[in-house]
C-alpha atoms as a PDB file:
ATOM      1  CA  MET A   1      12.871  -0.261 -13.698  1.00  0.00           C
ATOM      2  CA  PRO A   2      15.459  -2.242 -11.790  1.00  0.00           C
ATOM      3  CA  GLN A   3      14.808  -6.029 -11.666  1.00  0.00           C
ATOM      4  CA  GLU A   4      15.010  -6.048  -7.859  1.00  0.00           C
ATOM      5  CA  ILE A   5      12.052  -3.620  -7.752  1.00  0.00           C
ATOM      6  CA  LYS A   6      10.025  -5.797 -10.286  1.00  0.00           C
ATOM      7  CA  THR A   7      10.664  -8.895  -8.235  1.00  0.00           C
ATOM      8  CA  ARG A   8       9.564  -7.312  -4.954  1.00  0.00           C
ATOM      9  CA  ILE A   9       6.443  -5.941  -6.687  1.00  0.00           C
ATOM     10  CA  THR A  10       5.472  -9.366  -8.077  1.00  0.00           C
ATOM     11  CA  GLN A  11       6.102 -10.976  -4.536  1.00  0.00           C
ATOM     12  CA  LEU A  12       4.011  -8.405  -2.771  1.00  0.00           C
ATOM     13  CA  ILE A  13       1.159  -8.586  -5.286  1.00  0.00           C
ATOM     14  CA  GLN A  14       1.124 -12.434  -4.896  1.00  0.00           C
ATOM     15  CA  LYS A  15       1.337 -12.254  -1.197  1.00  0.00           C
ATOM     16  CA  TRP A  16      -1.564  -9.763  -0.865  1.00  0.00           C
ATOM     17  CA  ALA A  17      -3.677 -11.835  -3.391  1.00  0.00           C
ATOM     18  CA  ILE A  18      -3.309 -14.955  -1.355  1.00  0.00           C
ATOM     19  CA  ARG A  19      -3.986 -13.115   1.887  1.00  0.00           C
ATOM     20  CA  PHE A  20      -7.166 -11.478   0.718  1.00  0.00           C
ATOM     21  CA  GLU A  21      -8.494 -14.182  -1.503  1.00  0.00           C
ATOM     22  CA  SER A  22     -11.337 -14.754   1.092  1.00  0.00           C
ATOM     23  CA  GLN A  23     -12.235 -11.058   1.234  1.00  0.00           C
ATOM     24  CA  GLN A  24     -13.095 -10.523  -2.375  1.00  0.00           C
ATOM     25  CA  ASP A  25     -16.372  -8.517  -1.488  1.00  0.00           C
ATOM     26  CA  THR A  26     -14.354  -5.855   0.390  1.00  0.00           C
ATOM     27  CA  LEU A  27     -10.862  -5.868  -1.309  1.00  0.00           C
ATOM     28  CA  PRO A  28     -11.051  -7.482  -4.752  1.00  0.00           C
ATOM     29  CA  LEU A  29      -8.209  -5.479  -6.176  1.00  0.00           C
ATOM     30  CA  PHE A  30      -5.500  -7.711  -4.886  1.00  0.00           C
ATOM     31  CA  THR A  31      -6.678 -11.031  -6.241  1.00  0.00           C
ATOM     32  CA  GLN A  32      -8.026  -9.464  -9.482  1.00  0.00           C
ATOM     33  CA  LEU A  33      -4.682  -7.769 -10.257  1.00  0.00           C
ATOM     34  CA  TYR A  34      -2.760 -10.911  -9.513  1.00  0.00           C
ATOM     35  CA  GLU A  35      -4.988 -13.019 -11.813  1.00  0.00           C
ATOM     36  CA  ALA A  36      -4.722 -10.399 -14.627  1.00  0.00           C
ATOM     37  CA  LEU A  37      -0.910 -10.316 -14.451  1.00  0.00           C
ATOM     38  CA  LYS A  38      -0.688 -14.184 -14.513  1.00  0.00           C
ATOM     39  CA  LYS A  39      -2.849 -14.084 -17.636  1.00  0.00           C
ATOM     40  CA  ARG A  40      -0.429 -11.586 -19.215  1.00  0.00           C
ATOM     41  CA  GLY A  41       2.413 -13.903 -18.477  1.00  0.00           C
ATOM     42  CA  VAL A  42       3.984 -12.151 -15.604  1.00  0.00           C
ATOM     43  CA  GLU A  43       6.028 -14.729 -13.588  1.00  0.00           C
ATOM     44  CA  PHE A  44       5.505 -15.084  -9.841  1.00  0.00           C
ATOM     45  CA  PRO A  45       7.593 -17.033  -7.344  1.00  0.00           C
ATOM     46  CA  PRO A  46       6.370 -20.341  -6.328  1.00  0.00           C
ATOM     47  CA  VAL A  47       3.499 -20.068  -3.725  1.00  0.00           C
ATOM     48  CA  GLN A  48       5.408 -22.030  -1.139  1.00  0.00           C
ATOM     49  CA  ALA A  49       8.116 -19.248  -1.176  1.00  0.00           C
ATOM     50  CA  GLN A  50       5.599 -16.849  -0.073  1.00  0.00           C
ATOM     51  CA  ALA A  51       4.221 -18.884   2.784  1.00  0.00           C
ATOM     52  CA  GLY A  52       5.395 -17.954   6.159  1.00  0.00           C
ATOM     53  CA  GLN A  53       6.423 -14.433   5.129  1.00  0.00           C
ATOM     54  CA  GLY A  54       3.102 -12.930   6.239  1.00  0.00           C
ATOM     55  CA  GLY A  55       3.626 -13.488  10.051  1.00  0.00           C
ATOM     56  CA  SER A  56       1.063 -12.287  12.501  1.00  0.00           C
ATOM     57  CA  GLN A  57       1.525  -9.664  15.132  1.00  0.00           C
ATOM     58  CA  PRO A  58      -0.299  -9.204  18.408  1.00  0.00           C
ATOM     59  CA  LYS A  59      -3.602  -7.402  18.102  1.00  0.00           C
ATOM     60  CA  SER A  60      -2.599  -4.888  20.778  1.00  0.00           C
ATOM     61  CA  GLN A  61       0.716  -3.765  19.109  1.00  0.00           C
ATOM     62  CA  ASN A  62       1.758  -3.413  15.609  1.00  0.00           C
ATOM     63  CA  LYS A  63       5.370  -2.837  14.561  1.00  0.00           C
ATOM     64  CA  SER A  64       6.252  -0.184  12.175  1.00  0.00           C
ATOM     65  CA  SER A  65       9.630   1.108  10.788  1.00  0.00           C
ATOM     66  CA  ASN A  66      10.595   4.693  10.694  1.00  0.00           C
ATOM     67  CA  SER A  67      13.715   6.017   9.118  1.00  0.00           C
ATOM     68  CA  ASP A  68      15.883   8.706  10.558  1.00  0.00           C
ATOM     69  CA  SER A  69      17.517  11.584   8.515  1.00  0.00           C
ATOM     70  CA  LYS A  70      20.487   9.388   7.511  1.00  0.00           C
ATOM     71  CA  GLY A  71      17.950   6.688   6.124  1.00  0.00           C
ATOM     72  CA  ARG A  72      18.509   4.177   8.890  1.00  0.00           C
ATOM     73  CA  VAL A  73      15.448   2.247   9.725  1.00  0.00           C
ATOM     74  CA  GLU A  74      14.478   1.799  13.468  1.00  0.00           C
ATOM     75  CA  GLU A  75      11.587  -0.432  14.582  1.00  0.00           C
ATOM     76  CA  THR A  76       8.935   1.134  16.840  1.00  0.00           C
ATOM     77  CA  LYS A  77       5.668  -0.066  18.332  1.00  0.00           C
ATOM     78  CA  GLN A  78       2.307   1.564  18.102  1.00  0.00           C
ATOM     79  CA  ASP A  79      -0.168   0.807  20.697  1.00  0.00           C
ATOM     80  CA  THR A  80      -3.603   0.071  19.068  1.00  0.00           C
ATOM     81  CA  SER A  81      -5.331  -1.197  22.290  1.00  0.00           C
ATOM     82  CA  GLU A  82      -7.441   1.969  22.289  1.00  0.00           C
ATOM     83  CA  VAL A  83      -9.123   1.048  19.039  1.00  0.00           C
ATOM     84  CA  PRO A  84     -12.481  -0.647  19.572  1.00  0.00           C
ATOM     85  CA  HIS A  85     -12.354  -4.232  18.319  1.00  0.00           C
ATOM     86  CA  LYS A  86     -15.051  -3.406  15.606  1.00  0.00           C
ATOM     87  CA  PHE A  87     -12.219  -1.341  13.781  1.00  0.00           C
ATOM     88  CA  GLN A  88      -9.349  -3.922  14.064  1.00  0.00           C
ATOM     89  CA  LYS A  89     -10.248  -5.410  10.665  1.00  0.00           C
ATOM     90  CA  LEU A  90     -10.595  -2.044   9.130  1.00  0.00           C
ATOM     91  CA  ILE A  91      -7.140  -1.007  10.261  1.00  0.00           C
ATOM     92  CA  GLN A  92      -5.691  -4.228   8.921  1.00  0.00           C
ATOM     93  CA  GLU A  93      -7.192  -3.505   5.525  1.00  0.00           C
ATOM     94  CA  LEU A  94      -5.988   0.071   5.574  1.00  0.00           C
ATOM     95  CA  ASN A  95      -2.511  -1.151   6.310  1.00  0.00           C
ATOM     96  CA  GLN A  96      -2.637  -3.391   3.271  1.00  0.00           C
ATOM     97  CA  VAL A  97      -4.041  -0.610   0.984  1.00  0.00           C
ATOM     98  CA  LYS A  98      -1.385   1.809   2.429  1.00  0.00           C
ATOM     99  CA  GLY A  99       1.313  -0.831   1.693  1.00  0.00           C
ATOM    100  CA  ASN A 100       0.180  -0.999  -1.834  1.00  0.00           C
ATOM    101  CA  ILE A 101       0.124   2.869  -2.076  1.00  0.00           C
ATOM    102  CA  ASN A 102       3.685   2.960  -0.696  1.00  0.00           C
ATOM    103  CA  MET A 103       4.855   0.313  -3.184  1.00  0.00           C
ATOM    104  CA  MET A 104       3.003   2.064  -6.113  1.00  0.00           C
ATOM    105  CA  ASN A 105       5.004   5.203  -5.257  1.00  0.00           C
ATOM    106  CA  GLU A 106       8.262   3.391  -5.389  1.00  0.00           C
ATOM    107  CA  VAL A 107       7.375   2.138  -8.816  1.00  0.00           C
ATOM    108  CA  ILE A 108       6.434   5.659  -9.850  1.00  0.00           C
ATOM    109  CA  ASP A 109       9.829   6.869  -8.468  1.00  0.00           C
ATOM    110  CA  ASN A 110      11.527   4.467 -10.842  1.00  0.00           C
ATOM    111  CA  THR A 111       9.447   5.315 -13.955  1.00  0.00           C
ATOM    112  CA  GLU A 112      10.519   7.783 -16.526  1.00  0.00           C
ATOM    113  CA  PRO A 113       8.053  10.557 -17.352  1.00  0.00           C
ATOM    114  CA  GLY A 114       5.812   9.867 -20.072  1.00  0.00           C
ATOM    115  CA  VAL A 115       6.293   5.994 -19.729  1.00  0.00           C
ATOM    116  CA  ILE A 116       3.225   4.212 -18.115  1.00  0.00           C
ATOM    117  CA  ASN A 117       3.731   0.420 -17.793  1.00  0.00           C
ATOM    118  CA  ASP A 118       0.967  -2.249 -17.388  1.00  0.00           C
ATOM    119  CA  THR A 119       1.584  -2.517 -13.468  1.00  0.00           C
ATOM    120  CA  ILE A 120       1.100   1.212 -13.034  1.00  0.00           C
ATOM    121  CA  ILE A 121      -2.183   1.032 -15.212  1.00  0.00           C
ATOM    122  CA  ASP A 122      -3.464  -2.045 -13.286  1.00  0.00           C
ATOM    123  CA  MET A 123      -2.812  -0.661  -9.823  1.00  0.00           C
ATOM    124  CA  TYR A 124      -4.235   2.707 -10.879  1.00  0.00           C
ATOM    125  CA  ARG A 125      -7.580   1.010 -11.979  1.00  0.00           C
ATOM    126  CA  GLY A 126      -7.616  -1.074  -8.701  1.00  0.00           C
ATOM    127  CA  PHE A 127      -7.068   2.145  -6.615  1.00  0.00           C
ATOM    128  CA  ARG A 128      -9.744   3.898  -8.307  1.00  0.00           C
ATOM    129  CA  LYS A 129     -12.173   0.909  -7.333  1.00  0.00           C
ATOM    130  CA  ILE A 130     -11.008   1.092  -3.668  1.00  0.00           C
ATOM    131  CA  GLU A 131     -11.249   4.896  -3.510  1.00  0.00           C
ATOM    132  CA  PRO A 132     -15.064   5.054  -2.927  1.00  0.00           C
ATOM    133  CA  LYS A 133     -14.886   2.387  -0.245  1.00  0.00           C
ATOM    134  CA  ILE A 134     -12.238   4.364   1.720  1.00  0.00           C
ATOM    135  CA  GLN A 135     -14.503   7.444   1.475  1.00  0.00           C
ATOM    136  CA  GLU A 136     -17.465   5.512   2.746  1.00  0.00           C
ATOM    137  CA  LYS A 137     -15.440   4.349   5.671  1.00  0.00           C
ATOM    138  CA  ILE A 138     -14.422   8.019   6.392  1.00  0.00           C
ATOM    139  CA  ALA A 139     -18.022   9.162   6.408  1.00  0.00           C
ATOM    140  CA  ALA A 140     -19.266   6.321   8.619  1.00  0.00           C
ATOM    141  CA  CYS A 141     -16.326   6.364  11.179  1.00  0.00           C
ATOM    142  CA  ASP A 142     -17.105   7.513  14.779  1.00  0.00           C
ATOM    143  CA  ASN A 143     -13.513   7.072  16.080  1.00  0.00           C
ATOM    144  CA  GLU A 144     -11.069   9.908  15.745  1.00  0.00           C
ATOM    145  CA  LEU A 145      -7.801   7.990  15.451  1.00  0.00           C
ATOM    146  CA  VAL A 146      -9.382   5.541  12.978  1.00  0.00           C
ATOM    147  CA  MET A 147     -10.867   8.344  10.976  1.00  0.00           C
ATOM    148  CA  SER A 148      -7.374   9.998  10.928  1.00  0.00           C
ATOM    149  CA  SER A 149      -5.977   6.761   9.543  1.00  0.00           C
ATOM    150  CA  CYS A 150      -8.616   6.734   6.821  1.00  0.00           C
ATOM    151  CA  LEU A 151      -7.845  10.218   5.857  1.00  0.00           C
ATOM    152  CA  ILE A 152      -4.181   9.571   5.567  1.00  0.00           C
ATOM    153  CA  VAL A 153      -4.812   6.731   3.246  1.00  0.00           C
ATOM    154  CA  ASN A 154      -7.197   8.701   1.205  1.00  0.00           C
ATOM    155  CA  ASP A 155      -4.894  11.758   1.143  1.00  0.00           C
ATOM    156  CA  ASP A 156      -1.947   9.470  -0.043  1.00  0.00           C
ATOM    157  CA  LEU A 157      -4.126   7.899  -2.574  1.00  0.00           C
ATOM    158  CA  GLN A 158      -4.911  11.312  -3.999  1.00  0.00           C
ATOM    159  CA  LYS A 159      -1.189  12.117  -3.984  1.00  0.00           C
ATOM    160  CA  THR A 160      -0.559   8.961  -5.922  1.00  0.00           C
ATOM    161  CA  PHE A 161      -3.261   9.742  -8.509  1.00  0.00           C
ATOM    162  CA  GLU A 162      -1.564  13.210  -8.959  1.00  0.00           C
ATOM    163  CA  ARG A 163       1.838  11.640  -9.445  1.00  0.00           C
ATOM    164  CA  ILE A 164       0.556   9.213 -12.038  1.00  0.00           C
ATOM    165  CA  ARG A 165      -1.143  12.184 -13.872  1.00  0.00           C
ATOM    166  CA  ASP A 166       2.344  13.861 -13.840  1.00  0.00           C
ATOM    167  CA  LEU A 167       3.991  10.748 -15.291  1.00  0.00           C
ATOM    168  CA  LYS A 168       1.353  10.545 -18.134  1.00  0.00           C
ATOM    169  CA  GLY A 169       1.863  14.133 -18.844  1.00  0.00           C
ATOM    170  CA  GLY A 170       5.680  13.666 -19.295  1.00  0.00           C
ATOM    171  CA  ARG A 171       6.508  15.484 -15.969  1.00  0.00           C
ATOM    172  CA  ARG A 172       8.660  14.407 -13.117  1.00  0.00           C
ATOM    173  CA  PRO A 173       6.245  13.984 -10.115  1.00  0.00           C
ATOM    174  CA  ASP A 174       6.784  15.720  -6.913  1.00  0.00           C
ATOM    175  CA  ASP A 175       8.463  13.597  -4.116  1.00  0.00           C
ATOM    176  CA  PHE A 176       6.138  11.405  -2.213  1.00  0.00           C
ATOM    177  CA  VAL A 177       6.049  11.786   1.573  1.00  0.00           C
ATOM    178  CA  PRO A 178       3.867   9.143   3.255  1.00  0.00           C
ATOM    179  CA  GLY A 179       1.153  10.534   5.530  1.00  0.00           C
ATOM    180  CA  GLU A 180       1.947   7.969   8.327  1.00  0.00           C
ATOM    181  CA  SER A 181       5.447   9.487   8.640  1.00  0.00           C
ATOM    182  CA  GLN A 182       4.117  12.942   9.277  1.00  0.00           C
ATOM    183  CA  GLN A 183       1.402  12.477  11.911  1.00  0.00           C
ATOM    184  CA  LYS A 184       0.245  10.039  14.682  1.00  0.00           C
ATOM    185  CA  CYS A 185      -2.012   7.417  13.406  1.00  0.00           C
ATOM    186  CA  LEU A 186      -2.705   3.689  13.788  1.00  0.00           C
ATOM    187  CA  LEU A 187      -1.248   2.729  10.465  1.00  0.00           C
ATOM    188  CA  THR A 188       1.605   0.240  10.185  1.00  0.00           C
ATOM    189  CA  PRO A 189       1.615  -0.447   6.346  1.00  0.00           C
ATOM    190  CA  THR A 190       2.473  -3.759   5.075  1.00  0.00           C
ATOM    191  CA  HIS A 191       5.181  -2.131   2.862  1.00  0.00           C
ATOM    192  CA  ILE A 192       7.229   0.811   4.186  1.00  0.00           C
ATOM    193  CA  TYR A 193       8.000   3.410   1.439  1.00  0.00           C
ATOM    194  CA  SER A 194      11.555   4.036   0.874  1.00  0.00           C
ATOM    195  CA  GLN A 195      12.523   6.836  -1.537  1.00  0.00           C
ATOM    196  CA  GLN A 196      14.882   5.775  -4.242  1.00  0.00           C
ATOM    197  CA  GLU A 197      18.095   7.631  -4.804  1.00  0.00           C
ATOM    198  CA  PRO A 198      18.150   9.643  -8.096  1.00  0.00           C
END
């Protein structure tokens, strides 16, 4: 895997661990993964280097990036003012999880079939722990746009599990196409998926 991707992965894991440290009850994956990797000797950038990168966005609008057919990225805004306040925190959490899913699929894109590294194993385990929570949110949701966003995250999570199974079986996984790029939703993932050139 290219060093640039490894560095980006460690930066994102650290950023999410710090951001969700106070939300261990709902999103324990990020901090647990960060601590496990530190124990294994994975090097992370100094915490000060991560500070200030999170930046907050207005609650009524989220920015997202879409790429055109030539791979250029254009910035768009999605209006989330129609989402009831009670769902704002859920959408933020879904954006974090979806960002992790996108990042994981970039790791998968750069992994040779039959080779499964510790990062993939740890993230796979974490995603398995999150899966029932997402499904609970789907069952309890009474807002169509929020439910649609939950379903996209769940569908992309299932695609990711399938891609990991393909890798383990020595097969090249099918291309990953993020759900948020295919239909209207409230998601603005913390990490935008970019397919790597073969």
